[in-house]
Amino acid sequence: SLAAHDVVVVTTNYRLGVFGFLYGGEDTAPGNVGLFDQQMALKWVRDNIHAFGGDRDQITIFGESAGSVSVSTHILSPQSKGLFKRAIMESGALMFNRDRPPVGSDEGLFNAKKFAKLLNCTESNPKWLDCLRGVSAQALIDVNPGYTVENPVFGTEFLPLNTRQAFDSYHYNRDIDVMAGLTQNEGPWVALFFYNQTHDPHFDLDTLKALVTMLSETFHNINVDKVLEYYTKNIDTKNPDALKKAFFEFDGDIQIKCPTYHFIKQFAKGLNTSADDGNGVYLYEWTYQSMNFEKSSGCRSSVEGICHMAELEFVFGDYVRAPTPLTTKLDIEFSLETIKIWTDFAKYGTPNASTLWPKVTIDRQTDSLANVKDMNPNNMTNILMNPFENPCDLFWKQYF
């Protein structure tokens, strides 16, 4: 459906997990090779897209969730400068605690050697990387160390600075247009998928505290007590469903919503977004979900809200091409409008299409973003002031 709007759509594969992100502390294992895979694909597109009717000077990269995080890494990386003109980020960004990223080079090397020990490739062996290279791919996949070697590593060739340092020093790719957005309720689907505890009918305050503490070990510098106080304020802490909802909100905020919001805010601060001839930054909140998505995901808008990934079927025109008995006329019309917005942005750098969508602005008094597009087919003219201010600015501002 996207390709029917005078654009060429290119997809690519890249290495994941230990294959894509193990950091060995030397040139032969520089870390982030999964991101280098993506970069090589971008270079190939730049050099060859003319043969497919494309324009090498009009490349837009886009992704959702982990794909959106990948897009943000290329905005940050000096290695990707000049390889694309526009970027679309849907629910995800490489933005963490301003003082300490999840994985720096020292921690990346520590994790890699810890992983190697599980395969009898001890760090006392100076050729521990060669030892790992002699292990079969399946054996590497089968190892379940209880921790992951799958996150981008900072302090490396691809990501020399952590995100906040890059923004503060203007060492990022600023000469691009960016469109980004979030679903209204990012947390429930993600939490239900990744954390078995959220399916426990006896979910209690101790379980909530244990989950927040576990996530603080990954994201670093989280004040667990303040988080619990904030997210359990004005709820019945004896009610399992209320406590689960509190965790859903926290998980969505720390992993997706606030990282994306603060990434876009820092990017926008480096631009003169009020100038008509400058680069544009556009932000949306997705507030609609189809019955098809509710059935396939189990995410009910009346209970869990508008969940992570709710926009994808509209972006890719799933039910324009193959409607189901649950597909409504409104769904099809909204999908067609969404496809036009996404492809208009890719072609022209503006997502206006047939509806008003101003660039984001920064309120200098509150230091928060304004002009957020409400992506909802029931009112495509609605512009929100800032649906992300609470909690991303009011609670998490100093963290990011």
Protein backbone atom coordinates (compact mmCIF):
# COMPACT_ATOMS: atom_id res chain seq x y z
CA SER A 1 0.00 0.00 0.00
CA LEU A 2 2.86 2.40 0.72
CA ALA A 3 4.52 1.65 -2.61
CA ALA A 4 1.31 2.64 -4.43
CA HIS A 5 1.98 6.26 -3.43
CA ASP A 6 5.00 6.95 -5.63
CA VAL A 7 7.65 5.75 -3.17
CA VAL A 8 10.05 2.81 -3.28
CA VAL A 9 9.91 0.70 -0.11
CA VAL A 10 13.08 -1.17 0.90
CA THR A 11 13.35 -3.61 3.81
CA THR A 12 16.49 -5.18 5.21
CA ASN A 13 17.71 -7.79 7.67
CA TYR A 14 20.31 -7.24 10.38
CA ARG A 15 21.96 -9.35 13.04
CA LEU A 16 20.40 -9.57 16.52
CA GLY A 17 21.44 -10.62 20.01
CA VAL A 18 24.98 -11.83 20.51
CA PHE A 19 25.53 -11.88 16.74
CA GLY A 20 24.64 -8.21 16.39
CA PHE A 21 25.69 -6.55 19.63
CA LEU A 22 28.46 -8.45 21.42
CA TYR A 23 31.31 -6.05 22.13
CA GLY A 24 34.81 -7.52 22.18
CA GLY A 25 36.82 -4.38 22.80
CA GLU A 26 38.77 -4.61 19.53
CA ASP A 27 38.37 -3.82 15.85
CA THR A 28 37.29 -7.34 14.94
CA ALA A 29 34.42 -7.19 17.45
CA PRO A 30 33.49 -3.47 17.64
CA GLY A 31 29.97 -4.02 18.94
CA ASN A 32 26.81 -2.75 17.27
CA VAL A 33 27.48 -4.75 14.10
CA GLY A 34 23.71 -5.16 13.76
CA LEU A 35 23.57 -1.39 13.35
CA PHE A 36 26.48 -1.50 10.91
CA ASP A 37 24.39 -4.03 8.93
CA GLN A 38 21.63 -1.44 8.70
CA GLN A 39 24.15 1.20 7.70
CA MET A 40 25.52 -1.00 4.92
CA ALA A 41 21.96 -1.41 3.64
CA LEU A 42 21.55 2.37 3.66
CA LYS A 43 24.76 2.76 1.66
CA TRP A 44 23.54 0.15 -0.81
CA VAL A 45 20.23 2.00 -1.21
CA ARG A 46 22.05 5.29 -1.71
CA ASP A 47 24.26 3.77 -4.40
CA ASN A 48 21.66 1.67 -6.21
CA ILE A 49 18.14 2.98 -5.65
CA HIS A 50 18.23 4.92 -8.93
CA ALA A 51 18.00 1.58 -10.73
CA PHE A 52 14.61 1.03 -9.09
CA GLY A 53 13.23 4.48 -9.81
CA GLY A 54 14.24 5.97 -6.45
CA ASP A 55 16.07 9.16 -5.53
CA ARG A 56 19.27 8.78 -3.48
CA ASP A 57 18.80 12.30 -2.11
CA GLN A 58 15.30 11.61 -0.78
CA ILE A 59 15.85 8.60 1.52
CA THR A 60 13.57 8.24 4.56
CA ILE A 61 14.29 5.64 7.25
CA PHE A 62 11.42 4.48 9.41
CA GLY A 63 10.68 1.86 12.02
CA GLU A 64 8.44 0.90 14.92
CA SER A 65 9.41 -0.21 18.44
CA ALA A 66 12.91 -1.74 18.13
CA GLY A 67 12.89 -0.40 14.57
CA SER A 68 12.25 3.08 15.90
CA VAL A 69 15.16 2.67 18.32
CA SER A 70 17.31 1.72 15.33
CA VAL A 71 16.22 4.87 13.51
CA SER A 72 17.28 6.94 16.52
CA THR A 73 20.74 5.34 16.55
CA HIS A 74 21.33 6.51 12.98
CA ILE A 75 20.25 10.02 13.95
CA LEU A 76 22.90 9.88 16.69
CA SER A 77 25.70 8.08 14.85
CA PRO A 78 28.38 10.04 12.98
CA GLN A 79 28.80 6.89 10.87
CA SER A 80 25.35 7.44 9.31
CA LYS A 81 25.70 11.11 8.44
CA GLY A 82 24.43 11.94 4.97
CA LEU A 83 22.82 8.55 4.36
CA PHE A 84 19.21 9.72 4.78
CA LYS A 85 17.17 12.91 4.61
CA ARG A 86 14.19 12.09 6.80
CA ALA A 87 13.30 9.77 9.66
CA ILE A 88 10.05 8.39 11.08
CA MET A 89 10.13 7.03 14.63
CA GLU A 90 7.13 5.05 15.86
CA SER A 91 7.27 4.24 19.60
CA GLY A 92 10.90 3.95 20.58
CA ALA A 93 14.20 5.82 20.96
CA LEU A 94 17.71 5.25 22.24
CA MET A 95 17.30 7.63 25.19
CA PHE A 96 18.22 6.63 28.71
CA ASN A 97 19.41 8.11 31.96
CA ARG A 98 21.43 11.24 31.18
CA ASP A 99 24.33 10.12 33.38
CA ARG A 100 24.61 6.44 32.51
CA PRO A 101 23.44 4.50 29.46
CA PRO A 102 22.36 0.86 29.91
CA VAL A 103 25.50 -0.45 28.22
CA GLY A 104 28.79 1.42 27.91
CA SER A 105 31.94 -0.11 26.46
CA ASP A 106 33.21 -1.35 29.85
CA GLU A 107 29.91 -2.98 30.69
CA GLY A 108 29.60 -4.34 27.16
CA LEU A 109 32.98 -6.03 27.42
CA PHE A 110 32.14 -7.40 30.87
CA ASN A 111 28.86 -8.87 29.57
CA ALA A 112 30.61 -10.38 26.55
CA LYS A 113 33.22 -12.14 28.68
CA LYS A 114 30.54 -13.31 31.08
CA PHE A 115 28.68 -14.77 28.13
CA ALA A 116 31.87 -16.39 26.80
CA LYS A 117 32.44 -18.18 30.12
CA LEU A 118 29.16 -20.00 29.68
CA LEU A 119 30.64 -21.56 26.57
CA ASN A 120 33.99 -22.38 28.22
CA CYS A 121 35.72 -19.49 26.49
CA THR A 122 37.29 -18.02 29.61
CA GLU A 123 38.63 -14.49 29.79
CA SER A 124 41.99 -15.88 30.97
CA ASN A 125 42.38 -17.12 27.41
CA PRO A 126 43.66 -14.11 25.42
CA LYS A 127 41.93 -15.59 22.38
CA TRP A 128 38.50 -15.82 24.00
CA LEU A 129 36.91 -14.17 20.97
CA ASP A 130 38.46 -16.77 18.66
CA CYS A 131 37.11 -19.41 21.02
CA LEU A 132 33.61 -17.95 20.65
CA ARG A 133 33.99 -17.91 16.88
CA GLY A 134 34.59 -21.65 17.02
CA VAL A 135 31.25 -22.25 18.73
CA SER A 136 28.34 -23.19 16.50
CA ALA A 137 25.65 -20.60 15.85
CA GLN A 138 23.02 -22.87 17.36
CA ALA A 139 25.04 -23.26 20.57
CA LEU A 140 25.24 -19.47 20.86
CA ILE A 141 21.48 -19.25 20.41
CA ASP A 142 20.78 -22.02 22.93
CA VAL A 143 22.71 -20.35 25.76
CA ASN A 144 20.34 -18.63 28.13
CA PRO A 145 22.55 -16.65 30.50
CA GLY A 146 19.80 -14.84 32.38
CA TYR A 147 20.97 -11.52 30.93
CA THR A 148 21.08 -10.22 27.40
CA VAL A 149 23.80 -9.20 24.98
CA GLU A 150 21.46 -7.36 22.69
CA ASN A 151 21.56 -3.64 23.46
CA PRO A 152 23.50 -0.99 21.52
CA VAL A 153 26.85 -0.26 23.16
CA PHE A 154 27.87 3.35 23.80
CA GLY A 155 31.46 4.59 23.82
CA THR A 156 32.10 2.78 20.55
CA GLU A 157 32.80 3.71 16.94
CA PHE A 158 29.12 3.69 16.02
CA LEU A 159 27.93 5.45 19.19
CA PRO A 160 30.86 7.42 20.60
CA LEU A 161 28.70 9.54 22.94
CA ASN A 162 25.70 8.71 25.07
CA THR A 163 22.47 10.27 23.83
CA ARG A 164 22.32 13.29 26.11
CA GLN A 165 26.01 14.10 25.51
CA ALA A 166 25.42 13.96 21.75
CA PHE A 167 22.48 16.36 21.98
CA ASP A 168 24.16 18.75 24.41
CA SER A 169 27.26 19.01 22.20
CA TYR A 170 25.27 19.02 18.91
CA HIS A 171 27.11 15.90 17.74
CA TYR A 172 24.18 14.28 15.98
CA ASN A 173 22.67 14.39 12.51
CA ARG A 174 20.66 17.61 12.65
CA ASP A 175 20.07 18.29 8.95
CA ILE A 176 17.03 16.01 8.61
CA ASP A 177 13.26 16.14 9.05
CA VAL A 178 11.78 13.94 11.76
CA MET A 179 8.27 12.64 12.37
CA ALA A 180 7.67 10.67 15.56
CA GLY A 181 4.82 9.42 17.67
CA LEU A 182 3.46 7.18 20.37
CA THR A 183 0.34 5.21 21.06
CA GLN A 184 -1.72 6.46 23.96
CA ASN A 185 -0.96 3.43 26.15
CA GLU A 186 2.43 1.95 25.29
CA GLY A 187 2.84 -0.20 28.40
CA PRO A 188 0.12 -2.89 28.65
CA TRP A 189 0.89 -5.03 25.59
CA VAL A 190 4.65 -4.86 26.21
CA ALA A 191 4.35 -5.70 29.91
CA LEU A 192 1.91 -8.56 29.35
CA PHE A 193 4.20 -10.01 26.67
CA PHE A 194 7.49 -9.79 28.56
CA TYR A 195 6.64 -10.22 32.23
CA ASN A 196 4.84 -13.37 33.37
CA GLN A 197 4.12 -11.75 36.73
CA THR A 198 1.54 -9.50 35.08
CA HIS A 199 -0.67 -12.55 34.48
CA ASP A 200 -0.76 -13.40 38.20
CA PRO A 201 -4.24 -12.74 39.65
CA HIS A 202 -2.55 -12.10 43.01
CA PHE A 203 -0.25 -9.36 41.72
CA ASP A 204 0.64 -7.26 44.79
CA LEU A 205 2.76 -4.33 45.91
CA ASP A 206 5.77 -6.54 46.55
CA THR A 207 5.58 -7.86 42.98
CA LEU A 208 5.36 -4.33 41.63
CA LYS A 209 8.40 -3.29 43.66
CA ALA A 210 10.36 -6.33 42.49
CA LEU A 211 9.64 -5.53 38.83
CA VAL A 212 10.59 -1.87 39.20
CA THR A 213 13.79 -2.90 40.99
CA MET A 214 14.63 -5.37 38.22
CA LEU A 215 14.15 -2.70 35.54
CA SER A 216 16.27 -0.25 37.52
CA GLU A 217 19.19 -2.67 37.14
CA THR A 218 18.87 -2.28 33.36
CA PHE A 219 18.05 1.41 33.08
CA HIS A 220 20.19 2.55 36.05
CA ASN A 221 19.69 5.38 38.52
CA ILE A 222 15.97 4.83 39.01
CA ASN A 223 14.73 5.83 42.45
CA VAL A 224 12.51 2.83 43.16
CA ASP A 225 10.76 4.36 46.18
CA LYS A 226 9.88 7.57 44.31
CA VAL A 227 8.62 5.55 41.35
CA LEU A 228 6.36 3.48 43.60
CA GLU A 229 5.07 6.60 45.34
CA TYR A 230 4.31 8.33 42.03
CA TYR A 231 2.66 5.44 40.21
CA THR A 232 0.61 4.16 43.16
CA LYS A 233 -0.64 7.59 44.21
CA ASN A 234 -4.44 7.64 44.54
CA ILE A 235 -4.91 3.94 43.77
CA ASP A 236 -6.01 1.01 45.93
CA THR A 237 -2.74 -0.80 46.63
CA LYS A 238 -4.70 -3.88 47.68
CA ASN A 239 -6.25 -4.19 44.23
CA PRO A 240 -4.21 -6.43 41.86
CA ASP A 241 -5.69 -4.87 38.72
CA ALA A 242 -4.91 -1.34 39.92
CA LEU A 243 -1.33 -2.35 40.71
CA LYS A 244 -0.94 -4.00 37.31
CA LYS A 245 -2.17 -0.83 35.63
CA ALA A 246 0.41 1.14 37.64
CA PHE A 247 3.14 -1.17 36.35
CA PHE A 248 1.83 -0.94 32.78
CA GLU A 249 2.09 2.85 32.97
CA PHE A 250 5.58 2.78 34.51
CA ASP A 251 6.89 0.22 32.02
CA GLY A 252 5.50 2.11 29.03
CA ASP A 253 6.87 5.40 30.33
CA ILE A 254 10.43 4.24 31.09
CA GLN A 255 10.88 2.00 28.06
CA ILE A 256 9.00 3.76 25.25
CA LYS A 257 6.96 6.90 25.87
CA CYS A 258 9.36 9.16 27.75
CA PRO A 259 12.51 8.07 25.86
CA THR A 260 10.80 8.89 22.56
CA TYR A 261 9.38 12.16 23.86
CA HIS A 262 12.68 13.38 25.31
CA PHE A 263 14.63 12.29 22.23
CA ILE A 264 12.33 14.38 20.04
CA LYS A 265 12.43 17.29 22.47
CA GLN A 266 16.23 17.34 22.50
CA PHE A 267 16.31 17.03 18.70
CA ALA A 268 13.84 19.90 18.33
CA LYS A 269 15.88 22.11 20.65
CA GLY A 270 18.73 21.94 18.16
CA LEU A 271 16.57 23.26 15.33
CA ASN A 272 14.73 26.44 14.54
CA THR A 273 11.45 24.58 14.15
CA SER A 274 9.43 27.75 13.77
CA ALA A 275 11.15 28.70 10.51
CA ASP A 276 9.19 27.77 7.42
CA ASP A 277 12.35 26.92 5.50
CA GLY A 278 14.03 24.92 8.31
CA ASN A 279 13.96 21.23 9.03
CA GLY A 280 10.68 20.02 10.45
CA VAL A 281 9.90 18.06 13.59
CA TYR A 282 6.41 16.56 13.85
CA LEU A 283 4.93 14.62 16.75
CA TYR A 284 1.72 12.59 17.08
CA GLU A 285 -0.23 10.61 19.64
CA TRP A 286 -2.12 7.61 18.25
CA THR A 287 -5.52 7.42 19.97
CA TYR A 288 -7.48 4.93 17.84
CA GLN A 289 -7.46 1.17 17.59
CA SER A 290 -9.40 -1.21 15.36
CA MET A 291 -11.44 -4.22 16.38
CA ASN A 292 -9.10 -6.32 14.24
CA PHE A 293 -6.17 -5.24 16.42
CA GLU A 294 -8.13 -5.82 19.63
CA LYS A 295 -8.92 -9.37 18.53
CA SER A 296 -5.39 -10.24 17.38
CA SER A 297 -3.51 -8.57 20.26
CA GLY A 298 -5.92 -9.10 23.14
CA CYS A 299 -5.54 -5.40 23.93
CA ARG A 300 -8.96 -3.94 24.67
CA SER A 301 -9.30 -0.19 24.27
CA SER A 302 -11.86 -0.12 27.09
CA VAL A 303 -9.45 -1.87 29.51
CA GLU A 304 -5.79 -1.68 28.47
CA GLY A 305 -6.20 1.35 26.20
CA ILE A 306 -4.65 2.14 22.79
CA CYS A 307 -1.71 -0.25 22.79
CA HIS A 308 1.78 -0.52 21.36
CA MET A 309 1.70 -1.36 17.62
CA ALA A 310 -1.90 -0.22 17.12
CA GLU A 311 -0.87 2.01 14.20
CA LEU A 312 0.97 -0.62 12.14
CA GLU A 313 -2.01 -2.14 10.34
CA PHE A 314 -3.00 1.36 9.20
CA VAL A 315 0.50 2.37 8.11
CA PHE A 316 0.91 -0.77 6.01
CA GLY A 317 -2.70 -0.94 4.79
CA ASP A 318 -3.33 -4.47 6.06
CA TYR A 319 -7.11 -4.23 5.91
CA VAL A 320 -7.18 -2.05 2.81
CA ARG A 321 -5.68 -4.99 0.96
CA ALA A 322 -7.53 -7.73 2.83
CA PRO A 323 -10.48 -6.51 4.92
CA THR A 324 -12.08 -8.85 7.47
CA PRO A 325 -15.66 -8.93 8.80
CA LEU A 326 -14.40 -6.69 11.63
CA THR A 327 -12.99 -4.05 9.28
CA THR A 328 -15.07 -0.88 9.13
CA LYS A 329 -15.35 1.77 6.44
CA LEU A 330 -13.74 4.17 8.93
CA ASP A 331 -10.76 1.80 9.33
CA ILE A 332 -10.16 1.72 5.57
CA GLU A 333 -10.49 5.49 5.18
CA PHE A 334 -8.17 6.07 8.14
CA SER A 335 -5.59 3.67 6.74
CA LEU A 336 -5.63 5.42 3.36
CA GLU A 337 -5.18 8.77 5.09
CA THR A 338 -2.35 7.41 7.26
CA ILE A 339 -0.53 5.98 4.24
CA LYS A 340 -0.80 9.37 2.51
CA ILE A 341 0.58 11.16 5.58
CA TRP A 342 3.55 8.78 5.90
CA THR A 343 4.39 8.90 2.19
CA ASP A 344 3.86 12.67 1.93
CA PHE A 345 6.40 13.09 4.72
CA ALA A 346 8.84 10.80 2.91
CA LYS A 347 8.44 12.73 -0.34
CA TYR A 348 8.09 16.32 0.83
CA GLY A 349 9.24 16.49 4.46
CA THR A 350 5.79 17.46 5.70
CA PRO A 351 2.98 15.13 6.83
CA ASN A 352 0.21 17.67 6.31
CA ALA A 353 -1.61 15.72 3.59
CA SER A 354 -5.22 16.92 3.74
CA THR A 355 -5.16 17.90 7.41
CA LEU A 356 -3.41 20.52 9.50
CA TRP A 357 -0.28 19.34 11.27
CA PRO A 358 2.03 22.11 12.53
CA LYS A 359 5.65 21.59 13.51
CA VAL A 360 6.26 21.07 17.20
CA THR A 361 7.18 24.08 19.26
CA ILE A 362 8.87 24.33 22.64
CA ASP A 363 7.19 26.27 25.42
CA ARG A 364 10.13 28.19 26.87
CA GLN A 365 8.38 28.64 30.22
CA THR A 366 7.53 24.99 30.83
CA ASP A 367 10.25 23.49 28.57
CA SER A 368 7.69 21.11 27.10
CA LEU A 369 6.57 20.40 23.55
CA ALA A 370 3.35 21.69 22.00
CA ASN A 371 1.48 20.98 18.76
CA VAL A 372 1.02 17.21 18.95
CA LYS A 373 -1.18 15.70 16.25
CA ASP A 374 -4.04 13.53 17.50
CA MET A 375 -4.07 10.57 15.09
CA ASN A 376 -7.72 9.56 15.32
CA PRO A 377 -10.11 9.21 12.37
CA ASN A 378 -12.99 10.66 14.38
CA ASN A 379 -11.30 14.08 14.39
CA MET A 380 -8.29 14.50 12.13
CA THR A 381 -8.07 18.24 12.81
CA ASN A 382 -7.39 17.91 16.54
CA ILE A 383 -4.03 19.30 17.75
CA LEU A 384 -3.05 18.51 21.33
CA MET A 385 -0.94 20.82 23.47
CA ASN A 386 1.16 18.13 25.15
CA PRO A 387 -0.32 14.77 26.15
CA PHE A 388 3.12 13.57 27.29
CA GLU A 389 3.93 16.37 29.75
CA ASN A 390 2.70 14.23 32.64
CA PRO A 391 4.73 12.15 33.41
CA CYS A 392 7.57 12.72 30.93
CA ASP A 393 8.26 16.34 31.90
CA LEU A 394 6.75 16.48 35.37
CA PHE A 395 8.26 13.27 36.79
CA TRP A 396 11.00 11.99 34.44
CA LYS A 397 12.55 15.24 33.20
CA GLN A 398 15.65 15.09 35.42
CA TYR A 399 16.17 11.41 34.68
CA PHE A 400 16.46 11.87 30.92
